[in-house]
C-alpha atoms as a PDB file:
ATOM      1  CA  MET A   1     -20.219  54.368  -5.978  1.00  0.00           C
ATOM      2  CA  ARG A   2     -21.375  51.311  -7.856  1.00  0.00           C
ATOM      3  CA  TRP A   3     -17.786  50.055  -8.250  1.00  0.00           C
ATOM      4  CA  TRP A   4     -17.301  50.550  -4.513  1.00  0.00           C
ATOM      5  CA  ASN A   5     -20.283  48.321  -3.708  1.00  0.00           C
ATOM      6  CA  GLU A   6     -19.046  45.634  -6.102  1.00  0.00           C
ATOM      7  CA  ALA A   7     -15.548  45.752  -4.616  1.00  0.00           C
ATOM      8  CA  HIS A   8     -16.973  45.665  -1.101  1.00  0.00           C
ATOM      9  CA  ASN A   9     -19.106  42.612  -1.985  1.00  0.00           C
ATOM     10  CA  GLN A  10     -16.110  40.820  -3.494  1.00  0.00           C
ATOM     11  CA  ILE A  11     -14.010  41.517  -0.416  1.00  0.00           C
ATOM     12  CA  GLN A  12     -16.772  40.203   1.839  1.00  0.00           C
ATOM     13  CA  ALA A  13     -17.152  37.067  -0.305  1.00  0.00           C
ATOM     14  CA  PHE A  14     -13.386  36.473  -0.191  1.00  0.00           C
ATOM     15  CA  TYR A  15     -13.282  36.988   3.565  1.00  0.00           C
ATOM     16  CA  HIS A  16     -16.230  34.635   4.075  1.00  0.00           C
ATOM     17  CA  ASN A  17     -14.604  31.928   1.888  1.00  0.00           C
ATOM     18  CA  ASP A  18     -11.327  32.349   3.766  1.00  0.00           C
ATOM     19  CA  GLN A  19     -13.100  31.825   7.094  1.00  0.00           C
ATOM     20  CA  SER A  20     -14.844  28.666   5.874  1.00  0.00           C
ATOM     21  CA  ASP A  21     -11.562  27.347   4.468  1.00  0.00           C
ATOM     22  CA  CYS A  22      -9.901  27.861   7.849  1.00  0.00           C
ATOM     23  CA  PHE A  23     -12.827  26.173   9.570  1.00  0.00           C
ATOM     24  CA  PHE A  24     -12.626  23.089   7.327  1.00  0.00           C
ATOM     25  CA  VAL A  25      -8.854  22.873   7.654  1.00  0.00           C
ATOM     26  CA  PHE A  26      -9.163  23.029  11.436  1.00  0.00           C
ATOM     27  CA  LEU A  27     -12.028  20.502  11.432  1.00  0.00           C
ATOM     28  CA  SER A  28     -10.034  18.068   9.252  1.00  0.00           C
ATOM     29  CA  TRP A  29      -6.966  18.419  11.465  1.00  0.00           C
ATOM     30  CA  PHE A  30      -9.028  17.891  14.617  1.00  0.00           C
ATOM     31  CA  LEU A  31     -10.773  14.766  13.289  1.00  0.00           C
ATOM     32  CA  ASN A  32      -7.517  13.276  12.032  1.00  0.00           C
ATOM     33  CA  ASP A  33      -5.715  14.030  15.265  1.00  0.00           C
ATOM     34  CA  ARG A  34      -8.405  12.655  17.556  1.00  0.00           C
ATOM     35  CA  PHE A  35     -10.035   9.797  15.692  1.00  0.00           C
ATOM     36  CA  LEU A  36      -8.182   8.606  12.592  1.00  0.00           C
ATOM     37  CA  GLU A  37      -5.273   6.928  14.389  1.00  0.00           C
ATOM     38  CA  ARG A  38      -7.579   5.002  16.718  1.00  0.00           C
ATOM     39  CA  PHE A  39      -9.803   4.006  13.805  1.00  0.00           C
ATOM     40  CA  TYR A  40      -6.796   2.786  11.771  1.00  0.00           C
ATOM     41  CA  LEU A  41      -5.342   0.807  14.696  1.00  0.00           C
ATOM     42  CA  PHE A  42      -8.733  -0.733  15.514  1.00  0.00           C
ATOM     43  CA  ASN A  43      -9.179  -1.900  11.913  1.00  0.00           C
ATOM     44  CA  LYS A  44      -5.588  -3.156  11.634  1.00  0.00           C
ATOM     45  CA  LYS A  45      -5.862  -5.075  14.904  1.00  0.00           C
ATOM     46  CA  ASN A  46      -9.098  -6.755  13.796  1.00  0.00           C
ATOM     47  CA  SER A  47      -7.554  -7.641  10.442  1.00  0.00           C
ATOM     48  CA  LEU A  48      -4.515  -9.221  12.115  1.00  0.00           C
ATOM     49  CA  ILE A  49      -6.692 -11.206  14.521  1.00  0.00           C
ATOM     50  CA  GLN A  50      -8.810 -12.469  11.630  1.00  0.00           C
ATOM     51  CA  THR A  51      -5.662 -13.431   9.669  1.00  0.00           C
ATOM     52  CA  HIS A  52      -4.292 -15.270  12.729  1.00  0.00           C
ATOM     53  CA  GLN A  53      -7.522 -17.223  13.100  1.00  0.00           C
ATOM     54  CA  THR A  54      -7.519 -18.133   9.402  1.00  0.00           C
ATOM     55  CA  ILE A  55      -3.933 -19.430   9.593  1.00  0.00           C
ATOM     56  CA  ASN A  56      -4.747 -21.475  12.710  1.00  0.00           C
ATOM     57  CA  ASN A  57      -7.751 -22.999  10.936  1.00  0.00           C
ATOM     58  CA  LEU A  58      -5.603 -23.894   7.915  1.00  0.00           C
ATOM     59  CA  TYR A  59      -3.125 -25.752  10.109  1.00  0.00           C
ATOM     60  CA  ARG A  60      -5.862 -27.515  12.100  1.00  0.00           C
ATOM     61  CA  GLU A  61      -7.448 -28.791   8.888  1.00  0.00           C
ATOM     62  CA  ASP A  62      -4.034 -30.056   7.727  1.00  0.00           C
ATOM     63  CA  SER A  63      -4.783 -28.961   4.190  1.00  0.00           C
ATOM     64  CA  ALA A  64      -2.616 -30.353   1.386  1.00  0.00           C
ATOM     65  CA  ASP A  65      -2.552 -26.949  -0.324  1.00  0.00           C
ATOM     66  CA  ILE A  66      -1.601 -24.998   2.771  1.00  0.00           C
ATOM     67  CA  GLU A  67       1.218 -23.078   1.071  1.00  0.00           C
ATOM     68  CA  LEU A  68      -1.092 -22.032  -1.751  1.00  0.00           C
ATOM     69  CA  GLU A  69      -3.725 -20.930   0.772  1.00  0.00           C
ATOM     70  CA  LEU A  70      -1.120 -18.929   2.718  1.00  0.00           C
ATOM     71  CA  GLU A  71       0.025 -17.230  -0.489  1.00  0.00           C
ATOM     72  CA  LYS A  72      -3.581 -16.321  -1.308  1.00  0.00           C
ATOM     73  CA  LEU A  73      -4.026 -14.942   2.181  1.00  0.00           C
ATOM     74  CA  GLU A  74      -0.855 -12.867   1.845  1.00  0.00           C
ATOM     75  CA  SER A  75      -2.055 -11.398  -1.435  1.00  0.00           C
ATOM     76  CA  ALA A  76      -5.548 -10.661  -0.137  1.00  0.00           C
ATOM     77  CA  LYS A  77      -4.455  -9.088   3.163  1.00  0.00           C
ATOM     78  CA  GLY A  78      -1.160  -7.543   2.076  1.00  0.00           C
ATOM     79  CA  VAL A  79       0.872  -9.245   4.794  1.00  0.00           C
ATOM     80  CA  ARG A  80       3.960 -11.417   5.076  1.00  0.00           C
ATOM     81  CA  ILE A  81       3.524 -14.627   7.043  1.00  0.00           C
ATOM     82  CA  ILE A  82       5.937 -16.607   9.203  1.00  0.00           C
ATOM     83  CA  VAL A  83       4.721 -19.850  10.769  1.00  0.00           C
ATOM     84  CA  ALA A  84       6.868 -21.484  13.443  1.00  0.00           C
ATOM     85  CA  ASP A  85       6.372 -24.476  15.721  1.00  0.00           C
ATOM     86  CA  LYS A  86       6.596 -24.407  19.513  1.00  0.00           C
ATOM     87  CA  LYS A  87      10.388 -24.641  19.363  1.00  0.00           C
ATOM     88  CA  PHE A  88      10.480 -21.677  16.953  1.00  0.00           C
ATOM     89  CA  LYS A  89      11.505 -23.831  13.994  1.00  0.00           C
ATOM     90  CA  ILE A  90      10.216 -22.031  10.910  1.00  0.00           C
ATOM     91  CA  LYS A  91       7.649 -24.079   9.007  1.00  0.00           C
ATOM     92  CA  TYR A  92       6.672 -21.385   6.502  1.00  0.00           C
ATOM     93  CA  ALA A  93       8.109 -17.966   5.769  1.00  0.00           C
ATOM     94  CA  SER A  94       6.989 -15.979   2.775  1.00  0.00           C
ATOM     95  CA  PHE A  95       9.825 -13.466   2.797  1.00  0.00           C
ATOM     96  CA  PHE A  96      12.408 -16.216   2.117  1.00  0.00           C
ATOM     97  CA  GLN A  97      10.525 -17.291  -1.006  1.00  0.00           C
ATOM     98  CA  ARG A  98      10.524 -13.919  -2.772  1.00  0.00           C
ATOM     99  CA  GLY A  99      13.495 -12.039  -4.093  1.00  0.00           C
END
């Protein structure tokens, strides 16, 4: 009977672990489905707004090293930048510079 008790305890432990695994899988799926996309989009939107403001400030200051500053910004933020005037004439475009 001792082996039966040990086997019964192992089966209960396995069943309990299986239930908690299912719970955590469901919880992870639920959190990702409901909140992760909104969180990612919120952060990305704020990052793009901040990058836009930084580029506007660079052009207002009329910095001599504006291309260098834009390259630094691209590296730091992981973005590609295109700057155009009001007539859509391209003043700066990073993707034309790289092969």
